Each structure stands twice: as C-alpha cells, then as structure tokens.
Amino acid sequence: MKKIKKPLIAIFIIANLYAILCGGLYFFQDNLIFHPQQLPQEYDFNFEGDYNEVWIDATDRARLNGLHFTVPNPKGVVLYYHGNSGSLAQWGQIAQSFVQKGYAVLVMDYRQYGKSGGALTEAALYDDSLRWYAFAKAQYPTTPITSYGRSLGTTFATYVASKKEVSKLVLETPFYSILDEAKSRFSILPVEKLLNYRLPTYSFINEVKAPITIIHGTEDSVVAYEHGKALYDSITTTTKTFVTVASGDHNNLNEFEAYQKAIDALFE
C-alpha cells in the first residue's frame, strides 16, 4: 500500500504545481506583458526642443496622453508606439534623434501608462492606436507619416499601417505574436487557452502596402532574433528590409553603427 501511495502523492503534487502555474499565468498576464510607470497628472515633462503635451479621448471616454514634438516645415511625421515598460517621462527622449533629422514626432502612452487612463484590453489598444494616427493626420494632412514601433509597440504600428496610409513602417525588435512569445517561455502550459491577448503582428503585416524595415539584434534577450526574422520572412506583399545588429540586445541597438546607419538611411 505504501508503494502505491508514493506515486499518487507525487502525481498530486505535480498536478497542483501545474494548476498553480496555469493560474499564475492567467491571473497575472497583464503584469507579465505590461510594465507601466504611472505619472501624477500634474507631472511636468522636461525635454529639449518645441513640444506640446496633448490629450485625446478614446471611445470609452478614457483620456490618453501624448507628446507632440514640432519642427518648422517637417520632412515627415514619426508616429511612435513605444515598448512595454516606463512612460513618456523616458520615451519622450526618443523623439530627439528624429527631431534633429527634421521630423515631427508624436509619441504616446498606452492605457495605464504615464497619465493615460482607461482599462487595458487588446481591442481598446488597437482602437487607441488608430485614434493617434487620426490626430497626426489632422495636424499634418499632406505630410508623410512613418509608423514606428518598438517591441510591444510593433504590433500597434503594424496594425495602423495595415489600416491607414503611411509612407513606411519601421519595426524595432518585433515579435511574431505575443502568443508565440508566451509559447516559447511557457511551453508546458496551454497558453492559447490562458492568454487574453494575442497581438498577432504576423496577421496584420501582409495588409501593409508601405515599405517595411525590421531591425533586430542577434543577442536580444527579450524577443529572440529568430522571432523577428520569422516575422520578416512572413512578409510577401510589399518591399521589405531586414537589418541585423550583430551583438545587439533588446534595449541597446542605438549604440551600434548598423542601427545608426539604418536609421540615417530611413530618415535622412
């Protein structure tokens, strides 16, 4: 009897651990995907150059916050969808390199990031991304708009480019889908049944008519280089360019010459 009990106890422990892992992924998935920094509404941004703090209203009346960097007679507009952590307190700095090249920049905080409110849902994030495009188009009706995404933001940048007219789509450290990322990290779990988010960049990308550039580092510790390459390989409907940054990680590509040359070629 004791010999029978031991395997049963082991099975019971393993089953409970598996259930705990599944529950943890399901109930804490927002914390795994999104890492927002919230800012007080009275927070004052402090960046170089001319810029305005702007607000738009979402369909559910959530107020969304962004920064609009302006230049005289801009060559174009960069609509920038940032990564999954921080807020505009840091991401506003990213505008400087584009402004120096003569581009206006609109960079925004997602729901629950910075001063932006609203409930986080995938559908709402897609709708918000289109509303920011509409804001940019209203300010610059005849100026070329670049849809630029970084990491998490690559899905929203691609979604916008698949629905609206843009001059080019630039994706930095993109993933194939967030479901694909989850499967690579939690391969023993039924992630397809547990995740509320899909973020299927691959399903939008072949609806994009504008030229697409993907930039990825070979040593990316967050989104594997192979995942960005898989997204690139899936593109069959438009001109595409893949920029490999040898030894580049997820957050340091701007330190490499290959990245700088690619950005210069795209925006000079």
C-alpha atoms as a PDB file:
ATOM      1  CA  MET A   1       0.000   0.000   0.000  1.00  0.00           C
ATOM      2  CA  LYS A   2       2.817   2.415   0.845  1.00  0.00           C
ATOM      3  CA  LYS A   3       4.424   1.730  -2.540  1.00  0.00           C
ATOM      4  CA  ILE A   4       1.152   2.709  -4.266  1.00  0.00           C
ATOM      5  CA  LYS A   5       0.683   5.871  -2.192  1.00  0.00           C
ATOM      6  CA  LYS A   6       4.045   7.419  -3.072  1.00  0.00           C
ATOM      7  CA  PRO A   7       3.373   7.681  -6.834  1.00  0.00           C
ATOM      8  CA  LEU A   8      -0.108   9.027  -6.126  1.00  0.00           C
ATOM      9  CA  ILE A   9       1.289  11.700  -3.835  1.00  0.00           C
ATOM     10  CA  ALA A  10       3.883  12.681  -6.462  1.00  0.00           C
ATOM     11  CA  ILE A  11       1.172  12.943  -9.130  1.00  0.00           C
ATOM     12  CA  PHE A  12      -0.976  15.051  -6.780  1.00  0.00           C
ATOM     13  CA  ILE A  13       1.927  17.451  -6.091  1.00  0.00           C
ATOM     14  CA  ILE A  14       2.804  17.790  -9.790  1.00  0.00           C
ATOM     15  CA  ALA A  15      -0.839  18.372 -10.729  1.00  0.00           C
ATOM     16  CA  ASN A  16      -1.161  21.091  -8.096  1.00  0.00           C
ATOM     17  CA  LEU A  17       2.045  22.802  -9.209  1.00  0.00           C
ATOM     18  CA  TYR A  18       0.821  22.721 -12.812  1.00  0.00           C
ATOM     19  CA  ALA A  19      -2.509  24.232 -11.760  1.00  0.00           C
ATOM     20  CA  ILE A  20      -0.685  26.969  -9.823  1.00  0.00           C
ATOM     21  CA  LEU A  21       1.443  27.793 -12.883  1.00  0.00           C
ATOM     22  CA  CYS A  22      -1.630  27.966 -15.103  1.00  0.00           C
ATOM     23  CA  GLY A  23      -3.437  30.164 -12.584  1.00  0.00           C
ATOM     24  CA  GLY A  24      -0.417  32.428 -12.223  1.00  0.00           C
ATOM     25  CA  LEU A  25      -0.150  32.955 -15.973  1.00  0.00           C
ATOM     26  CA  TYR A  26      -3.876  33.590 -16.346  1.00  0.00           C
ATOM     27  CA  PHE A  27      -4.355  35.964 -13.412  1.00  0.00           C
ATOM     28  CA  PHE A  28      -1.056  37.833 -13.717  1.00  0.00           C
ATOM     29  CA  GLN A  29      -0.696  38.029 -17.501  1.00  0.00           C
ATOM     30  CA  ASP A  30      -1.172  41.808 -17.515  1.00  0.00           C
ATOM     31  CA  ASN A  31       1.772  42.112 -15.140  1.00  0.00           C
ATOM     32  CA  LEU A  32       3.892  39.892 -17.385  1.00  0.00           C
ATOM     33  CA  ILE A  33       3.090  41.781 -20.607  1.00  0.00           C
ATOM     34  CA  PHE A  34       2.749  45.376 -19.425  1.00  0.00           C
ATOM     35  CA  HIS A  35       5.175  47.217 -17.132  1.00  0.00           C
ATOM     36  CA  PRO A  36       3.776  50.745 -16.929  1.00  0.00           C
ATOM     37  CA  GLN A  37       5.149  53.659 -14.975  1.00  0.00           C
ATOM     38  CA  GLN A  38       2.267  55.819 -13.806  1.00  0.00           C
ATOM     39  CA  LEU A  39       2.736  59.573 -13.517  1.00  0.00           C
ATOM     40  CA  PRO A  40       0.770  62.138 -11.495  1.00  0.00           C
ATOM     41  CA  GLN A  41      -1.498  64.300 -13.645  1.00  0.00           C
ATOM     42  CA  GLU A  42       0.478  67.395 -12.649  1.00  0.00           C
ATOM     43  CA  TYR A  43       3.796  65.887 -13.791  1.00  0.00           C
ATOM     44  CA  ASP A  44       5.838  68.326 -15.930  1.00  0.00           C
ATOM     45  CA  PHE A  45       7.786  66.844 -18.831  1.00  0.00           C
ATOM     46  CA  ASN A  46      11.226  68.291 -19.460  1.00  0.00           C
ATOM     47  CA  PHE A  47      12.701  67.733 -22.905  1.00  0.00           C
ATOM     48  CA  GLU A  48      14.688  69.789 -25.376  1.00  0.00           C
ATOM     49  CA  GLY A  49      13.046  71.435 -28.365  1.00  0.00           C
ATOM     50  CA  ASP A  50       9.499  72.520 -29.078  1.00  0.00           C
ATOM     51  CA  TYR A  51       6.764  70.158 -27.960  1.00  0.00           C
ATOM     52  CA  ASN A  52       3.243  70.148 -26.604  1.00  0.00           C
ATOM     53  CA  GLU A  53       1.507  67.805 -24.237  1.00  0.00           C
ATOM     54  CA  VAL A  54      -1.637  66.533 -25.974  1.00  0.00           C
ATOM     55  CA  TRP A  55      -4.735  64.571 -24.971  1.00  0.00           C
ATOM     56  CA  ILE A  56      -7.210  62.524 -26.962  1.00  0.00           C
ATOM     57  CA  ASP A  57     -10.415  60.819 -25.860  1.00  0.00           C
ATOM     58  CA  ALA A  58     -10.971  57.113 -26.524  1.00  0.00           C
ATOM     59  CA  THR A  59     -14.315  55.529 -27.385  1.00  0.00           C
ATOM     60  CA  ASP A  60     -14.854  54.540 -23.741  1.00  0.00           C
ATOM     61  CA  ARG A  61     -14.071  58.141 -22.660  1.00  0.00           C
ATOM     62  CA  ALA A  62     -10.634  57.200 -21.370  1.00  0.00           C
ATOM     63  CA  ARG A  63      -8.192  60.109 -21.671  1.00  0.00           C
ATOM     64  CA  LEU A  64      -4.939  59.295 -23.410  1.00  0.00           C
ATOM     65  CA  ASN A  65      -1.785  61.357 -23.073  1.00  0.00           C
ATOM     66  CA  GLY A  66       0.911  62.045 -25.648  1.00  0.00           C
ATOM     67  CA  LEU A  67       3.741  64.395 -26.600  1.00  0.00           C
ATOM     68  CA  HIS A  68       3.856  66.223 -29.924  1.00  0.00           C
ATOM     69  CA  PHE A  69       7.342  67.390 -30.924  1.00  0.00           C
ATOM     70  CA  THR A  70       7.270  70.014 -33.658  1.00  0.00           C
ATOM     71  CA  VAL A  71       9.778  71.338 -36.207  1.00  0.00           C
ATOM     72  CA  PRO A  72       9.377  74.002 -38.904  1.00  0.00           C
ATOM     73  CA  ASN A  73       8.469  72.519 -42.297  1.00  0.00           C
ATOM     74  CA  PRO A  74       8.897  68.884 -41.244  1.00  0.00           C
ATOM     75  CA  LYS A  75      10.160  66.317 -43.740  1.00  0.00           C
ATOM     76  CA  GLY A  76       7.642  63.924 -42.260  1.00  0.00           C
ATOM     77  CA  VAL A  77       5.937  62.774 -39.077  1.00  0.00           C
ATOM     78  CA  VAL A  78       7.064  59.840 -36.915  1.00  0.00           C
ATOM     79  CA  LEU A  79       4.135  58.182 -35.133  1.00  0.00           C
ATOM     80  CA  TYR A  80       5.987  56.298 -32.396  1.00  0.00           C
ATOM     81  CA  TYR A  81       4.500  53.357 -30.445  1.00  0.00           C
ATOM     82  CA  HIS A  82       6.858  52.580 -27.582  1.00  0.00           C
ATOM     83  CA  GLY A  83       7.810  49.449 -25.649  1.00  0.00           C
ATOM     84  CA  ASN A  84       6.092  47.739 -22.735  1.00  0.00           C
ATOM     85  CA  SER A  85       7.788  49.498 -19.824  1.00  0.00           C
ATOM     86  CA  GLY A  86       8.121  53.014 -18.468  1.00  0.00           C
ATOM     87  CA  SER A  87       6.227  56.096 -19.603  1.00  0.00           C
ATOM     88  CA  LEU A  88       6.640  59.253 -21.635  1.00  0.00           C
ATOM     89  CA  ALA A  89       8.937  60.533 -18.887  1.00  0.00           C
ATOM     90  CA  GLN A  90      11.568  58.316 -20.554  1.00  0.00           C
ATOM     91  CA  TRP A  91      10.136  57.628 -24.009  1.00  0.00           C
ATOM     92  CA  GLY A  92       9.841  61.311 -24.858  1.00  0.00           C
ATOM     93  CA  GLN A  93      13.623  61.356 -25.181  1.00  0.00           C
ATOM     94  CA  ILE A  94      13.416  59.020 -28.178  1.00  0.00           C
ATOM     95  CA  ALA A  95      11.965  61.895 -30.217  1.00  0.00           C
ATOM     96  CA  GLN A  96      15.203  63.874 -30.149  1.00  0.00           C
ATOM     97  CA  SER A  97      17.026  61.876 -32.836  1.00  0.00           C
ATOM     98  CA  PHE A  98      14.097  62.242 -35.249  1.00  0.00           C
ATOM     99  CA  VAL A  99      13.625  65.939 -34.491  1.00  0.00           C
ATOM    100  CA  GLN A 100      17.308  66.538 -35.259  1.00  0.00           C
ATOM    101  CA  LYS A 101      16.721  64.985 -38.675  1.00  0.00           C
ATOM    102  CA  GLY A 102      13.850  67.391 -39.363  1.00  0.00           C
ATOM    103  CA  TYR A 103      10.860  65.224 -38.411  1.00  0.00           C
ATOM    104  CA  ALA A 104       7.891  65.997 -36.202  1.00  0.00           C
ATOM    105  CA  VAL A 105       7.182  63.239 -33.675  1.00  0.00           C
ATOM    106  CA  LEU A 106       4.057  62.051 -31.906  1.00  0.00           C
ATOM    107  CA  VAL A 107       4.747  59.597 -29.084  1.00  0.00           C
ATOM    108  CA  MET A 108       2.026  58.448 -26.721  1.00  0.00           C
ATOM    109  CA  ASP A 109       1.427  56.491 -23.528  1.00  0.00           C
ATOM    110  CA  TYR A 110      -0.838  53.451 -23.610  1.00  0.00           C
ATOM    111  CA  ARG A 111      -3.684  52.966 -21.166  1.00  0.00           C
ATOM    112  CA  GLN A 112      -2.438  52.798 -17.569  1.00  0.00           C
ATOM    113  CA  TYR A 113       0.926  54.255 -18.641  1.00  0.00           C
ATOM    114  CA  GLY A 114       2.029  57.719 -17.554  1.00  0.00           C
ATOM    115  CA  LYS A 115      -1.022  59.988 -17.313  1.00  0.00           C
ATOM    116  CA  SER A 116      -3.215  57.866 -19.585  1.00  0.00           C
ATOM    117  CA  GLY A 117      -6.289  56.213 -18.099  1.00  0.00           C
ATOM    118  CA  GLY A 118      -8.704  53.522 -19.241  1.00  0.00           C
ATOM    119  CA  ALA A 119      -8.901  49.757 -18.929  1.00  0.00           C
ATOM    120  CA  LEU A 120      -6.316  47.628 -20.718  1.00  0.00           C
ATOM    121  CA  THR A 121      -7.825  45.415 -23.412  1.00  0.00           C
ATOM    122  CA  GLU A 122      -6.417  44.350 -26.753  1.00  0.00           C
ATOM    123  CA  ALA A 123      -9.353  45.781 -28.681  1.00  0.00           C
ATOM    124  CA  ALA A 124      -9.058  49.139 -26.919  1.00  0.00           C
ATOM    125  CA  LEU A 125      -5.329  49.349 -27.649  1.00  0.00           C
ATOM    126  CA  TYR A 126      -5.963  48.823 -31.367  1.00  0.00           C
ATOM    127  CA  ASP A 127      -8.637  51.496 -31.398  1.00  0.00           C
ATOM    128  CA  ASP A 128      -6.393  53.899 -29.473  1.00  0.00           C
ATOM    129  CA  SER A 129      -3.568  53.384 -31.975  1.00  0.00           C
ATOM    130  CA  LEU A 130      -5.867  54.444 -34.820  1.00  0.00           C
ATOM    131  CA  ARG A 131      -7.009  57.497 -32.875  1.00  0.00           C
ATOM    132  CA  TRP A 132      -3.420  58.650 -32.531  1.00  0.00           C
ATOM    133  CA  TYR A 133      -2.991  58.231 -36.272  1.00  0.00           C
ATOM    134  CA  ALA A 134      -6.115  60.335 -36.806  1.00  0.00           C
ATOM    135  CA  PHE A 135      -4.670  63.022 -34.536  1.00  0.00           C
ATOM    136  CA  ALA A 136      -1.387  63.045 -36.501  1.00  0.00           C
ATOM    137  CA  LYS A 137      -3.258  63.157 -39.825  1.00  0.00           C
ATOM    138  CA  ALA A 138      -5.349  66.096 -38.648  1.00  0.00           C
ATOM    139  CA  GLN A 139      -2.199  68.043 -37.757  1.00  0.00           C
ATOM    140  CA  TYR A 140      -0.324  67.061 -40.927  1.00  0.00           C
ATOM    141  CA  PRO A 141      -2.857  66.229 -43.660  1.00  0.00           C
ATOM    142  CA  THR A 142      -0.315  66.243 -46.510  1.00  0.00           C
ATOM    143  CA  THR A 143       2.889  65.271 -44.696  1.00  0.00           C
ATOM    144  CA  PRO A 144       4.193  61.680 -44.946  1.00  0.00           C
ATOM    145  CA  ILE A 145       3.629  59.648 -41.774  1.00  0.00           C
ATOM    146  CA  THR A 146       6.024  56.927 -40.640  1.00  0.00           C
ATOM    147  CA  SER A 147       4.504  54.286 -38.377  1.00  0.00           C
ATOM    148  CA  TYR A 148       7.301  53.259 -35.992  1.00  0.00           C
ATOM    149  CA  GLY A 149       7.014  50.523 -33.381  1.00  0.00           C
ATOM    150  CA  ARG A 150       9.378  49.372 -30.666  1.00  0.00           C
ATOM    151  CA  SER A 151       8.910  45.915 -29.081  1.00  0.00           C
ATOM    152  CA  LEU A 152       5.308  45.860 -27.740  1.00  0.00           C
ATOM    153  CA  GLY A 153       4.537  48.852 -29.941  1.00  0.00           C
ATOM    154  CA  THR A 154       5.425  46.952 -33.120  1.00  0.00           C
ATOM    155  CA  THR A 155       2.009  45.294 -33.134  1.00  0.00           C
ATOM    156  CA  PHE A 156       0.187  48.635 -32.941  1.00  0.00           C
ATOM    157  CA  ALA A 157       2.462  50.288 -35.501  1.00  0.00           C
ATOM    158  CA  THR A 158       1.817  47.378 -37.879  1.00  0.00           C
ATOM    159  CA  TYR A 159      -1.916  47.436 -37.219  1.00  0.00           C
ATOM    160  CA  VAL A 160      -2.086  51.156 -38.054  1.00  0.00           C
ATOM    161  CA  ALA A 161      -0.007  50.670 -41.213  1.00  0.00           C
ATOM    162  CA  SER A 162      -2.348  47.860 -42.280  1.00  0.00           C
ATOM    163  CA  LYS A 163      -5.389  50.125 -41.958  1.00  0.00           C
ATOM    164  CA  LYS A 164      -4.123  53.582 -42.897  1.00  0.00           C
ATOM    165  CA  GLU A 165      -1.841  55.243 -45.408  1.00  0.00           C
ATOM    166  CA  VAL A 166       1.743  55.568 -44.181  1.00  0.00           C
ATOM    167  CA  SER A 167       4.980  56.289 -46.028  1.00  0.00           C
ATOM    168  CA  LYS A 168       6.833  53.444 -44.297  1.00  0.00           C
ATOM    169  CA  LEU A 169       6.634  51.014 -41.403  1.00  0.00           C
ATOM    170  CA  VAL A 170       9.668  50.602 -39.142  1.00  0.00           C
ATOM    171  CA  LEU A 171       9.728  47.812 -36.552  1.00  0.00           C
ATOM    172  CA  GLU A 172      12.437  47.625 -33.905  1.00  0.00           C
ATOM    173  CA  THR A 173      12.817  44.313 -32.028  1.00  0.00           C
ATOM    174  CA  PRO A 174       9.387  42.974 -33.113  1.00  0.00           C
ATOM    175  CA  PHE A 175       7.774  39.665 -32.193  1.00  0.00           C
ATOM    176  CA  TYR A 176       5.724  37.359 -34.402  1.00  0.00           C
ATOM    177  CA  SER A 177       2.862  37.396 -31.887  1.00  0.00           C
ATOM    178  CA  ILE A 178       2.594  37.660 -28.121  1.00  0.00           C
ATOM    179  CA  LEU A 179       1.084  34.157 -28.150  1.00  0.00           C
ATOM    180  CA  ASP A 180       4.226  32.923 -29.899  1.00  0.00           C
ATOM    181  CA  GLU A 181       6.364  34.622 -27.232  1.00  0.00           C
ATOM    182  CA  ALA A 182       4.333  33.019 -24.442  1.00  0.00           C
ATOM    183  CA  LYS A 183       4.633  29.572 -26.020  1.00  0.00           C
ATOM    184  CA  SER A 184       8.404  29.944 -26.197  1.00  0.00           C
ATOM    185  CA  ARG A 185       8.572  30.813 -22.482  1.00  0.00           C
ATOM    186  CA  PHE A 186       5.862  28.562 -21.062  1.00  0.00           C
ATOM    187  CA  SER A 187       5.980  25.623 -23.448  1.00  0.00           C
ATOM    188  CA  ILE A 188       4.444  23.161 -20.965  1.00  0.00           C
ATOM    189  CA  LEU A 189       1.365  25.333 -20.347  1.00  0.00           C
ATOM    190  CA  PRO A 190      -1.792  25.608 -22.506  1.00  0.00           C
ATOM    191  CA  VAL A 191      -1.074  29.297 -23.164  1.00  0.00           C
ATOM    192  CA  GLU A 192      -3.525  29.522 -26.062  1.00  0.00           C
ATOM    193  CA  LYS A 193      -6.371  28.889 -23.627  1.00  0.00           C
ATOM    194  CA  LEU A 194      -4.940  31.086 -20.862  1.00  0.00           C
ATOM    195  CA  LEU A 195      -3.956  34.292 -22.652  1.00  0.00           C
ATOM    196  CA  ASN A 196      -6.429  37.134 -23.132  1.00  0.00           C
ATOM    197  CA  TYR A 197      -4.002  38.813 -25.551  1.00  0.00           C
ATOM    198  CA  ARG A 198      -2.872  37.642 -28.982  1.00  0.00           C
ATOM    199  CA  LEU A 199      -1.132  40.690 -30.523  1.00  0.00           C
ATOM    200  CA  PRO A 200      -0.727  38.820 -33.829  1.00  0.00           C
ATOM    201  CA  THR A 201       1.633  41.133 -35.704  1.00  0.00           C
ATOM    202  CA  TYR A 202       2.054  38.484 -38.407  1.00  0.00           C
ATOM    203  CA  SER A 203      -1.653  38.632 -39.265  1.00  0.00           C
ATOM    204  CA  PHE A 204      -1.541  42.402 -39.943  1.00  0.00           C
ATOM    205  CA  ILE A 205       1.785  42.702 -41.695  1.00  0.00           C
ATOM    206  CA  ASN A 206       0.717  41.424 -45.099  1.00  0.00           C
ATOM    207  CA  GLU A 207      -2.011  44.029 -45.254  1.00  0.00           C
ATOM    208  CA  VAL A 208       0.652  46.762 -45.188  1.00  0.00           C
ATOM    209  CA  LYS A 209       1.295  48.364 -48.578  1.00  0.00           C
ATOM    210  CA  ALA A 210       4.154  50.658 -47.494  1.00  0.00           C
ATOM    211  CA  PRO A 211       7.816  49.526 -47.402  1.00  0.00           C
ATOM    212  CA  ILE A 212       8.708  47.693 -44.186  1.00  0.00           C
ATOM    213  CA  THR A 213      12.021  47.764 -42.305  1.00  0.00           C
ATOM    214  CA  ILE A 214      12.706  45.416 -39.405  1.00  0.00           C
ATOM    215  CA  ILE A 215      15.683  45.988 -37.094  1.00  0.00           C
ATOM    216  CA  HIS A 216      16.751  43.263 -34.660  1.00  0.00           C
ATOM    217  CA  GLY A 217      19.789  42.422 -32.554  1.00  0.00           C
ATOM    218  CA  THR A 218      21.306  38.956 -32.644  1.00  0.00           C
ATOM    219  CA  GLU A 219      21.632  38.815 -28.850  1.00  0.00           C
ATOM    220  CA  ASP A 220      18.135  40.059 -27.998  1.00  0.00           C
ATOM    221  CA  SER A 221      17.355  38.640 -24.544  1.00  0.00           C
ATOM    222  CA  VAL A 222      13.669  39.648 -24.591  1.00  0.00           C
ATOM    223  CA  VAL A 223      12.437  38.878 -28.110  1.00  0.00           C
ATOM    224  CA  ALA A 224      14.641  36.316 -29.818  1.00  0.00           C
ATOM    225  CA  TYR A 225      16.317  37.364 -33.062  1.00  0.00           C
ATOM    226  CA  GLU A 226      14.710  34.348 -34.745  1.00  0.00           C
ATOM    227  CA  HIS A 227      11.240  35.665 -33.893  1.00  0.00           C
ATOM    228  CA  GLY A 228      11.902  38.972 -35.638  1.00  0.00           C
ATOM    229  CA  LYS A 229      13.328  37.067 -38.613  1.00  0.00           C
ATOM    230  CA  ALA A 230      10.234  34.838 -38.728  1.00  0.00           C
ATOM    231  CA  LEU A 231       8.046  37.945 -38.932  1.00  0.00           C
ATOM    232  CA  TYR A 232      10.213  39.304 -41.745  1.00  0.00           C
ATOM    233  CA  ASP A 233      10.079  36.002 -43.635  1.00  0.00           C
ATOM    234  CA  SER A 234       6.272  36.035 -43.433  1.00  0.00           C
ATOM    235  CA  ILE A 235       6.069  39.292 -45.462  1.00  0.00           C
ATOM    236  CA  THR A 236       5.081  38.580 -49.055  1.00  0.00           C
ATOM    237  CA  THR A 237       3.154  41.647 -50.209  1.00  0.00           C
ATOM    238  CA  THR A 238       5.493  44.648 -50.101  1.00  0.00           C
ATOM    239  CA  THR A 239       9.118  45.809 -50.209  1.00  0.00           C
ATOM    240  CA  LYS A 240      10.973  44.690 -47.099  1.00  0.00           C
ATOM    241  CA  THR A 241      14.376  45.174 -45.473  1.00  0.00           C
ATOM    242  CA  PHE A 242      15.871  43.303 -42.529  1.00  0.00           C
ATOM    243  CA  VAL A 243      18.664  44.975 -40.567  1.00  0.00           C
ATOM    244  CA  THR A 244      20.753  42.660 -38.394  1.00  0.00           C
ATOM    245  CA  VAL A 245      22.542  44.329 -35.487  1.00  0.00           C
ATOM    246  CA  ALA A 246      25.327  41.936 -34.567  1.00  0.00           C
ATOM    247  CA  SER A 247      25.670  41.540 -30.770  1.00  0.00           C
ATOM    248  CA  GLY A 248      22.725  43.914 -30.216  1.00  0.00           C
ATOM    249  CA  ASP A 249      20.414  43.248 -27.267  1.00  0.00           C
ATOM    250  CA  HIS A 250      16.829  44.415 -26.821  1.00  0.00           C
ATOM    251  CA  ASN A 251      17.436  47.872 -25.379  1.00  0.00           C
ATOM    252  CA  ASN A 252      20.801  48.962 -26.740  1.00  0.00           C
ATOM    253  CA  LEU A 253      20.510  48.891 -30.534  1.00  0.00           C
ATOM    254  CA  ASN A 254      21.112  52.641 -30.798  1.00  0.00           C
ATOM    255  CA  GLU A 255      24.665  52.043 -29.555  1.00  0.00           C
ATOM    256  CA  PHE A 256      25.572  50.126 -32.728  1.00  0.00           C
ATOM    257  CA  GLU A 257      26.742  51.500 -36.061  1.00  0.00           C
ATOM    258  CA  ALA A 258      24.476  49.141 -38.028  1.00  0.00           C
ATOM    259  CA  TYR A 259      21.444  50.610 -36.305  1.00  0.00           C
ATOM    260  CA  GLN A 260      22.572  54.209 -36.791  1.00  0.00           C
ATOM    261  CA  LYS A 261      23.248  53.614 -40.480  1.00  0.00           C
ATOM    262  CA  ALA A 262      19.805  52.070 -40.914  1.00  0.00           C
ATOM    263  CA  ILE A 263      18.057  54.997 -39.216  1.00  0.00           C
ATOM    264  CA  ASP A 264      20.084  57.511 -41.221  1.00  0.00           C
ATOM    265  CA  ALA A 265      19.133  55.750 -44.445  1.00  0.00           C
ATOM    266  CA  LEU A 266      15.465  55.753 -43.475  1.00  0.00           C
ATOM    267  CA  PHE A 267      15.193  59.354 -42.253  1.00  0.00           C
ATOM    268  CA  GLU A 268      17.938  61.449 -43.827  1.00  0.00           C
END
